[in-house]
Amino acid sequence: MNEETNVIVALRLPASLKAWLQQQAKEQDRSVNYVGRQLIERAMEEKQGAGA
């Protein structure tokens, strides 16, 4: 039951958060999409852990 499904997520970020996300991507030498996906996955794991 651990099926992966592609989902498109659009975020509306204030300029300061967009700049922060871009800086994180640059520091990690990754794309903004990759860093955003990591953040979403981490938040989902934390939420699941809190609900357990």
N, C-alpha and C. Protein backbone atom coordinates (compact mmCIF):
# COMPACT_ATOMS: atom_id res chain seq x y z
N MET A 1 0.81 -1.21 0.00
CA MET A 1 0.00 0.00 0.00
C MET A 1 0.85 1.26 0.00
N ASN A 2 2.09 1.15 -0.38
CA ASN A 2 2.95 2.32 -0.42
C ASN A 2 3.13 2.76 -1.86
N GLU A 3 2.03 3.02 -2.52
CA GLU A 3 2.03 3.42 -3.92
C GLU A 3 2.40 4.88 -4.06
N GLU A 4 3.22 5.20 -5.03
CA GLU A 4 3.56 6.60 -5.29
C GLU A 4 2.68 7.11 -6.42
N THR A 5 2.16 8.31 -6.22
CA THR A 5 1.35 8.97 -7.23
C THR A 5 1.89 10.38 -7.42
N ASN A 6 2.04 10.79 -8.64
CA ASN A 6 2.49 12.15 -8.91
C ASN A 6 1.37 13.13 -8.66
N VAL A 7 1.70 14.18 -7.94
CA VAL A 7 0.74 15.24 -7.62
C VAL A 7 1.43 16.57 -7.86
N ILE A 8 0.73 17.49 -8.46
CA ILE A 8 1.26 18.83 -8.68
C ILE A 8 0.75 19.73 -7.56
N VAL A 9 1.68 20.41 -6.91
CA VAL A 9 1.33 21.31 -5.81
C VAL A 9 1.82 22.71 -6.18
N ALA A 10 0.94 23.68 -6.06
CA ALA A 10 1.31 25.07 -6.31
C ALA A 10 1.27 25.83 -4.99
N LEU A 11 2.31 26.58 -4.73
CA LEU A 11 2.39 27.35 -3.49
C LEU A 11 2.44 28.84 -3.82
N ARG A 12 1.69 29.61 -3.09
CA ARG A 12 1.78 31.05 -3.18
C ARG A 12 2.58 31.52 -1.98
N LEU A 13 3.78 31.98 -2.23
CA LEU A 13 4.66 32.37 -1.14
C LEU A 13 4.94 33.86 -1.17
N PRO A 14 5.04 34.48 0.00
CA PRO A 14 5.51 35.86 0.04
C PRO A 14 6.94 35.91 -0.51
N ALA A 15 7.36 37.05 -0.96
CA ALA A 15 8.68 37.19 -1.57
C ALA A 15 9.79 36.71 -0.62
N SER A 16 9.65 36.96 0.67
CA SER A 16 10.70 36.56 1.61
C SER A 16 10.82 35.04 1.70
N LEU A 17 9.69 34.33 1.71
CA LEU A 17 9.74 32.87 1.76
C LEU A 17 10.22 32.28 0.45
N LYS A 18 9.84 32.90 -0.65
CA LYS A 18 10.32 32.44 -1.96
C LYS A 18 11.84 32.58 -2.02
N ALA A 19 12.35 33.70 -1.54
CA ALA A 19 13.80 33.92 -1.53
C ALA A 19 14.49 32.90 -0.64
N TRP A 20 13.88 32.59 0.51
CA TRP A 20 14.46 31.59 1.42
C TRP A 20 14.50 30.22 0.75
N LEU A 21 13.41 29.84 0.09
CA LEU A 21 13.35 28.55 -0.58
C LEU A 21 14.40 28.47 -1.69
N GLN A 22 14.55 29.55 -2.44
CA GLN A 22 15.55 29.58 -3.50
C GLN A 22 16.96 29.48 -2.93
N GLN A 23 17.20 30.14 -1.79
CA GLN A 23 18.51 30.08 -1.15
C GLN A 23 18.81 28.66 -0.66
N GLN A 24 17.80 28.00 -0.09
CA GLN A 24 17.98 26.62 0.37
C GLN A 24 18.35 25.72 -0.80
N ALA A 25 17.67 25.90 -1.91
CA ALA A 25 17.96 25.10 -3.10
C ALA A 25 19.38 25.34 -3.58
N LYS A 26 19.78 26.59 -3.58
CA LYS A 26 21.14 26.93 -4.03
C LYS A 26 22.19 26.31 -3.10
N GLU A 27 21.96 26.40 -1.78
CA GLU A 27 22.91 25.86 -0.82
C GLU A 27 23.01 24.34 -0.92
N GLN A 28 21.92 23.68 -1.25
CA GLN A 28 21.91 22.22 -1.37
C GLN A 28 22.26 21.76 -2.78
N ASP A 29 22.46 22.71 -3.67
CA ASP A 29 22.73 22.41 -5.08
C ASP A 29 21.64 21.52 -5.65
N ARG A 30 20.39 21.88 -5.34
CA ARG A 30 19.21 21.15 -5.79
C ARG A 30 18.22 22.13 -6.42
N SER A 31 17.18 21.60 -7.01
CA SER A 31 16.14 22.45 -7.58
C SER A 31 15.19 22.91 -6.48
N VAL A 32 14.49 23.99 -6.74
CA VAL A 32 13.48 24.49 -5.80
C VAL A 32 12.41 23.42 -5.61
N ASN A 33 12.05 22.73 -6.68
CA ASN A 33 11.04 21.66 -6.59
C ASN A 33 11.49 20.56 -5.64
N TYR A 34 12.76 20.17 -5.73
CA TYR A 34 13.28 19.12 -4.86
C TYR A 34 13.22 19.54 -3.39
N VAL A 35 13.68 20.75 -3.10
CA VAL A 35 13.68 21.25 -1.73
C VAL A 35 12.24 21.37 -1.21
N GLY A 36 11.34 21.87 -2.04
CA GLY A 36 9.93 21.98 -1.65
C GLY A 36 9.33 20.62 -1.34
N ARG A 37 9.66 19.63 -2.16
CA ARG A 37 9.15 18.27 -1.93
C ARG A 37 9.68 17.71 -0.62
N GLN A 38 10.96 17.96 -0.32
CA GLN A 38 11.54 17.51 0.95
C GLN A 38 10.79 18.12 2.13
N LEU A 39 10.51 19.41 2.05
CA LEU A 39 9.80 20.10 3.14
C LEU A 39 8.40 19.52 3.34
N ILE A 40 7.71 19.28 2.24
CA ILE A 40 6.35 18.72 2.34
C ILE A 40 6.40 17.31 2.93
N GLU A 41 7.33 16.49 2.46
CA GLU A 41 7.45 15.12 2.99
C GLU A 41 7.77 15.14 4.48
N ARG A 42 8.68 16.01 4.90
CA ARG A 42 9.04 16.10 6.32
C ARG A 42 7.85 16.53 7.15
N ALA A 43 7.09 17.50 6.66
CA ALA A 43 5.91 17.97 7.40
C ALA A 43 4.86 16.87 7.52
N MET A 44 4.68 16.10 6.45
CA MET A 44 3.71 15.01 6.49
C MET A 44 4.14 13.92 7.47
N GLU A 45 5.44 13.62 7.51
CA GLU A 45 5.94 12.61 8.45
C GLU A 45 5.74 13.08 9.89
N GLU A 46 6.01 14.37 10.15
CA GLU A 46 5.83 14.92 11.49
C GLU A 46 4.37 14.87 11.89
N LYS A 47 3.48 15.18 10.96
CA LYS A 47 2.05 15.16 11.26
C LYS A 47 1.59 13.74 11.57
N GLN A 48 2.06 12.78 10.78
CA GLN A 48 1.69 11.38 11.01
C GLN A 48 2.23 10.90 12.35
N GLY A 49 3.43 11.33 12.70
CA GLY A 49 4.02 10.94 13.98
C GLY A 49 3.27 11.55 15.15
N ALA A 50 2.78 12.77 14.99
CA ALA A 50 2.03 13.44 16.06
C ALA A 50 0.65 12.81 16.23
N GLY A 51 0.11 12.27 15.14
CA GLY A 51 -1.22 11.68 15.20
C GLY A 51 -1.22 10.26 15.74
N ALA A 52 -0.05 9.66 15.82
CA ALA A 52 0.04 8.25 16.26
C ALA A 52 -0.10 8.11 17.76
